[in-house]
Amino acid sequence: MSLHPLFFIIVFSVYPLLVQSLKEIFEHEPNLVEFLMSWNRRIQESSQFYDLMKDAGFQIYSHGKGLYSFYKLDRMDSYLQTLAELSSTTSNKSSSK
């Protein structure tokens, strides 16, 4: 099965439905390892989406410039292991300041 990028605009009132949909997709697609999202707008409610993704068990990595990876720890390939290491290094540096 080949996976194709999905492009859509998200309205903050549907964040819970989007997170639930992503969670279900990850549960039913064993070869899916990452959800890559480009987020160009920053609105006050956007933090709600990230909080919901964390609560659903997703790890989040910011590539910078509005590009984010969402993944599950139990589905990490070598690329995502590198992101997790970078993320923990960045978290350790910022928490030690």
N, C-alpha and C. Protein backbone atom coordinates (compact mmCIF):
# COMPACT_ATOMS: atom_id res chain seq x y z
N MET A 1 0.84 -1.17 0.00
CA MET A 1 0.00 0.00 0.00
C MET A 1 0.88 1.23 0.00
N SER A 2 0.62 2.13 -0.90
CA SER A 2 1.41 3.36 -0.92
C SER A 2 0.61 4.47 -0.26
N LEU A 3 1.30 5.26 0.54
CA LEU A 3 0.66 6.36 1.24
C LEU A 3 0.98 7.67 0.53
N HIS A 4 -0.04 8.48 0.38
CA HIS A 4 0.13 9.75 -0.32
C HIS A 4 -0.10 10.90 0.65
N PRO A 5 0.57 12.01 0.42
CA PRO A 5 0.36 13.17 1.30
C PRO A 5 -1.09 13.62 1.24
N LEU A 6 -1.57 14.08 2.36
CA LEU A 6 -2.92 14.60 2.47
C LEU A 6 -2.81 16.06 2.87
N PHE A 7 -3.39 16.92 2.08
CA PHE A 7 -3.33 18.35 2.36
C PHE A 7 -4.72 18.82 2.77
N PHE A 8 -4.80 19.53 3.87
CA PHE A 8 -6.07 20.05 4.31
C PHE A 8 -5.85 21.23 5.24
N ILE A 9 -6.88 22.01 5.40
CA ILE A 9 -6.86 23.15 6.31
C ILE A 9 -7.63 22.75 7.56
N ILE A 10 -7.05 23.04 8.71
CA ILE A 10 -7.65 22.63 9.97
C ILE A 10 -8.29 23.82 10.66
N VAL A 11 -9.52 23.66 11.06
CA VAL A 11 -10.20 24.65 11.88
C VAL A 11 -10.10 24.17 13.31
N PHE A 12 -9.67 25.04 14.22
CA PHE A 12 -9.34 24.60 15.57
C PHE A 12 -10.48 23.87 16.28
N SER A 13 -11.72 24.11 15.93
CA SER A 13 -12.83 23.44 16.60
C SER A 13 -12.87 21.94 16.30
N VAL A 14 -12.16 21.49 15.28
CA VAL A 14 -12.16 20.06 14.94
C VAL A 14 -10.87 19.37 15.36
N TYR A 15 -10.02 20.03 16.13
CA TYR A 15 -8.78 19.40 16.60
C TYR A 15 -9.01 18.04 17.26
N PRO A 16 -9.97 17.92 18.18
CA PRO A 16 -10.17 16.61 18.81
C PRO A 16 -10.52 15.52 17.79
N LEU A 17 -11.32 15.84 16.80
CA LEU A 17 -11.67 14.86 15.77
C LEU A 17 -10.47 14.50 14.91
N LEU A 18 -9.65 15.49 14.60
CA LEU A 18 -8.45 15.23 13.81
C LEU A 18 -7.49 14.33 14.57
N VAL A 19 -7.27 14.60 15.84
CA VAL A 19 -6.36 13.79 16.65
C VAL A 19 -6.89 12.37 16.76
N GLN A 20 -8.20 12.22 16.99
CA GLN A 20 -8.79 10.88 17.06
C GLN A 20 -8.62 10.14 15.73
N SER A 21 -8.81 10.85 14.62
CA SER A 21 -8.64 10.23 13.30
C SER A 21 -7.20 9.79 13.09
N LEU A 22 -6.24 10.62 13.45
CA LEU A 22 -4.83 10.26 13.31
C LEU A 22 -4.48 9.06 14.19
N LYS A 23 -5.01 9.05 15.39
CA LYS A 23 -4.78 7.93 16.30
C LYS A 23 -5.29 6.63 15.69
N GLU A 24 -6.49 6.67 15.13
CA GLU A 24 -7.08 5.48 14.51
C GLU A 24 -6.31 5.05 13.26
N ILE A 25 -5.86 6.01 12.48
CA ILE A 25 -5.06 5.67 11.29
C ILE A 25 -3.79 4.96 11.71
N PHE A 26 -3.11 5.47 12.73
CA PHE A 26 -1.88 4.83 13.22
C PHE A 26 -2.17 3.42 13.76
N GLU A 27 -3.33 3.24 14.39
CA GLU A 27 -3.69 1.93 14.93
C GLU A 27 -3.96 0.91 13.84
N HIS A 28 -4.50 1.34 12.71
CA HIS A 28 -4.91 0.42 11.64
C HIS A 28 -3.92 0.30 10.49
N GLU A 29 -2.88 1.12 10.47
CA GLU A 29 -1.87 1.07 9.42
C GLU A 29 -0.51 0.75 10.04
N PRO A 30 -0.16 -0.53 10.12
CA PRO A 30 1.07 -0.91 10.83
C PRO A 30 2.36 -0.38 10.20
N ASN A 31 2.32 -0.02 8.93
CA ASN A 31 3.54 0.49 8.28
C ASN A 31 3.69 2.00 8.39
N LEU A 32 2.69 2.66 8.93
CA LEU A 32 2.74 4.11 9.08
C LEU A 32 3.60 4.45 10.30
N VAL A 33 4.61 5.27 10.10
CA VAL A 33 5.51 5.61 11.21
C VAL A 33 5.50 7.09 11.57
N GLU A 34 5.01 7.94 10.68
CA GLU A 34 5.14 9.38 10.93
C GLU A 34 4.01 10.15 10.26
N PHE A 35 3.56 11.18 10.94
CA PHE A 35 2.65 12.17 10.39
C PHE A 35 3.45 13.45 10.31
N LEU A 36 3.66 13.97 9.12
CA LEU A 36 4.44 15.18 8.90
C LEU A 36 3.48 16.32 8.60
N MET A 37 3.61 17.41 9.32
CA MET A 37 2.67 18.52 9.18
C MET A 37 3.41 19.83 8.99
N SER A 38 2.92 20.62 8.05
CA SER A 38 3.41 21.98 7.86
C SER A 38 2.37 22.94 8.41
N TRP A 39 2.79 23.79 9.32
CA TRP A 39 1.88 24.69 10.00
C TRP A 39 2.40 26.10 9.80
N ASN A 40 1.75 26.84 8.92
CA ASN A 40 2.24 28.19 8.60
C ASN A 40 1.62 29.28 9.47
N ARG A 41 0.47 29.01 10.02
CA ARG A 41 -0.20 30.03 10.85
C ARG A 41 -0.04 29.70 12.31
N ARG A 42 0.10 30.72 13.11
CA ARG A 42 0.13 30.54 14.56
C ARG A 42 -1.09 31.26 15.12
N ILE A 43 -2.00 30.49 15.64
CA ILE A 43 -3.15 31.09 16.29
C ILE A 43 -3.15 30.65 17.75
N GLN A 44 -3.83 31.37 18.56
CA GLN A 44 -3.81 31.10 19.99
C GLN A 44 -4.21 29.66 20.30
N GLU A 45 -5.18 29.12 19.59
CA GLU A 45 -5.69 27.79 19.87
C GLU A 45 -4.78 26.67 19.36
N SER A 46 -3.72 26.99 18.64
CA SER A 46 -2.88 25.94 18.07
C SER A 46 -2.22 25.07 19.13
N SER A 47 -1.95 25.62 20.30
CA SER A 47 -1.34 24.81 21.35
C SER A 47 -2.26 23.67 21.78
N GLN A 48 -3.56 23.87 21.61
CA GLN A 48 -4.53 22.81 21.94
C GLN A 48 -4.25 21.56 21.10
N PHE A 49 -3.93 21.74 19.83
CA PHE A 49 -3.66 20.60 18.96
C PHE A 49 -2.45 19.82 19.45
N TYR A 50 -1.38 20.50 19.78
CA TYR A 50 -0.16 19.83 20.26
C TYR A 50 -0.42 19.11 21.58
N ASP A 51 -1.18 19.73 22.47
CA ASP A 51 -1.52 19.08 23.73
C ASP A 51 -2.34 17.82 23.50
N LEU A 52 -3.31 17.89 22.60
CA LEU A 52 -4.13 16.72 22.29
C LEU A 52 -3.30 15.60 21.67
N MET A 53 -2.35 15.96 20.81
CA MET A 53 -1.48 14.95 20.20
C MET A 53 -0.62 14.27 21.26
N LYS A 54 -0.07 15.04 22.18
CA LYS A 54 0.72 14.46 23.27
C LYS A 54 -0.14 13.54 24.13
N ASP A 55 -1.35 13.99 24.47
CA ASP A 55 -2.27 13.18 25.28
C ASP A 55 -2.64 11.88 24.57
N ALA A 56 -2.63 11.88 23.24
CA ALA A 56 -2.96 10.68 22.46
C ALA A 56 -1.75 9.76 22.29
N GLY A 57 -0.61 10.15 22.87
CA GLY A 57 0.57 9.28 22.83
C GLY A 57 1.55 9.56 21.72
N PHE A 58 1.39 10.68 21.03
CA PHE A 58 2.32 11.03 19.96
C PHE A 58 3.50 11.82 20.52
N GLN A 59 4.64 11.58 19.94
CA GLN A 59 5.83 12.38 20.19
C GLN A 59 5.85 13.48 19.13
N ILE A 60 6.40 14.63 19.47
CA ILE A 60 6.41 15.76 18.53
C ILE A 60 7.83 16.24 18.36
N TYR A 61 8.22 16.45 17.11
CA TYR A 61 9.53 17.03 16.82
C TYR A 61 9.33 18.20 15.87
N SER A 62 9.87 19.35 16.23
CA SER A 62 9.81 20.53 15.37
C SER A 62 11.08 20.61 14.54
N HIS A 63 10.91 20.61 13.23
CA HIS A 63 12.04 20.75 12.32
C HIS A 63 12.40 22.23 12.13
N GLY A 64 11.56 23.12 12.65
CA GLY A 64 11.74 24.56 12.46
C GLY A 64 10.92 25.03 11.28
N LYS A 65 10.68 26.31 11.21
CA LYS A 65 9.93 26.94 10.12
C LYS A 65 8.56 26.30 9.88
N GLY A 66 7.90 25.90 10.97
CA GLY A 66 6.53 25.40 10.87
C GLY A 66 6.38 23.96 10.41
N LEU A 67 7.44 23.17 10.40
CA LEU A 67 7.37 21.77 9.99
C LEU A 67 7.52 20.87 11.21
N TYR A 68 6.57 19.96 11.41
CA TYR A 68 6.53 19.10 12.59
C TYR A 68 6.38 17.64 12.21
N SER A 69 7.05 16.76 12.96
CA SER A 69 6.86 15.32 12.85
C SER A 69 6.12 14.84 14.09
N PHE A 70 5.12 13.99 13.88
CA PHE A 70 4.40 13.34 14.96
C PHE A 70 4.59 11.85 14.76
N TYR A 71 4.96 11.15 15.83
CA TYR A 71 5.23 9.72 15.71
C TYR A 71 5.00 9.04 17.05
N LYS A 72 4.91 7.71 17.01
CA LYS A 72 4.72 6.90 18.21
C LYS A 72 6.03 6.21 18.54
N LEU A 73 6.35 6.12 19.81
CA LEU A 73 7.62 5.52 20.23
C LEU A 73 7.73 4.05 19.82
N ASP A 74 6.61 3.35 19.73
CA ASP A 74 6.65 1.94 19.37
C ASP A 74 6.78 1.69 17.87
N ARG A 75 6.87 2.75 17.07
CA ARG A 75 6.97 2.61 15.61
C ARG A 75 8.16 3.35 15.04
N MET A 76 9.22 3.46 15.79
CA MET A 76 10.33 4.30 15.35
C MET A 76 11.28 3.54 14.43
N ASP A 77 11.56 4.15 13.29
CA ASP A 77 12.62 3.65 12.43
C ASP A 77 13.90 4.43 12.78
N SER A 78 14.98 4.19 12.07
CA SER A 78 16.25 4.84 12.42
C SER A 78 16.16 6.37 12.30
N TYR A 79 15.41 6.85 11.33
CA TYR A 79 15.24 8.29 11.16
C TYR A 79 14.54 8.89 12.39
N LEU A 80 13.45 8.26 12.82
CA LEU A 80 12.72 8.78 13.97
C LEU A 80 13.50 8.62 15.27
N GLN A 81 14.32 7.58 15.36
CA GLN A 81 15.19 7.44 16.54
C GLN A 81 16.14 8.63 16.64
N THR A 82 16.64 9.07 15.49
CA THR A 82 17.51 10.25 15.46
C THR A 82 16.75 11.49 15.92
N LEU A 83 15.50 11.65 15.45
CA LEU A 83 14.69 12.79 15.88
C LEU A 83 14.44 12.75 17.39
N ALA A 84 14.15 11.56 17.91
CA ALA A 84 13.90 11.43 19.35
C ALA A 84 15.14 11.81 20.15
N GLU A 85 16.30 11.39 19.66
CA GLU A 85 17.55 11.75 20.34
C GLU A 85 17.78 13.25 20.29
N LEU A 86 17.54 13.84 19.13
CA LEU A 86 17.70 15.30 19.01
C LEU A 86 16.71 16.03 19.92
N SER A 87 15.50 15.52 19.96
CA SER A 87 14.46 16.13 20.78
C SER A 87 14.82 16.06 22.26
N SER A 88 15.32 14.92 22.71
CA SER A 88 15.67 14.81 24.13
C SER A 88 16.90 15.66 24.45
N THR A 89 17.83 15.77 23.52
CA THR A 89 19.00 16.63 23.73
C THR A 89 18.56 18.09 23.84
N THR A 90 17.65 18.51 22.96
CA THR A 90 17.15 19.88 22.99
C THR A 90 16.38 20.13 24.28
N SER A 91 15.56 19.16 24.71
CA SER A 91 14.81 19.32 25.96
C SER A 91 15.74 19.42 27.15
N ASN A 92 16.79 18.60 27.16
CA ASN A 92 17.74 18.65 28.27
C ASN A 92 18.46 19.98 28.33
N LYS A 93 18.84 20.51 27.18
CA LYS A 93 19.53 21.81 27.15
C LYS A 93 18.63 22.92 27.63
N SER A 94 17.37 22.92 27.17
CA SER A 94 16.48 24.02 27.56
C SER A 94 16.07 23.91 29.02
N SER A 95 15.99 22.69 29.57
CA SER A 95 15.61 22.57 30.98
C SER A 95 16.76 22.87 31.92
N SER A 96 17.99 22.82 31.41
CA SER A 96 19.14 23.11 32.27
C SER A 96 19.45 24.60 32.33
N LYS A 97 18.76 25.40 31.54
CA LYS A 97 19.00 26.85 31.54
C LYS A 97 18.28 27.53 32.65
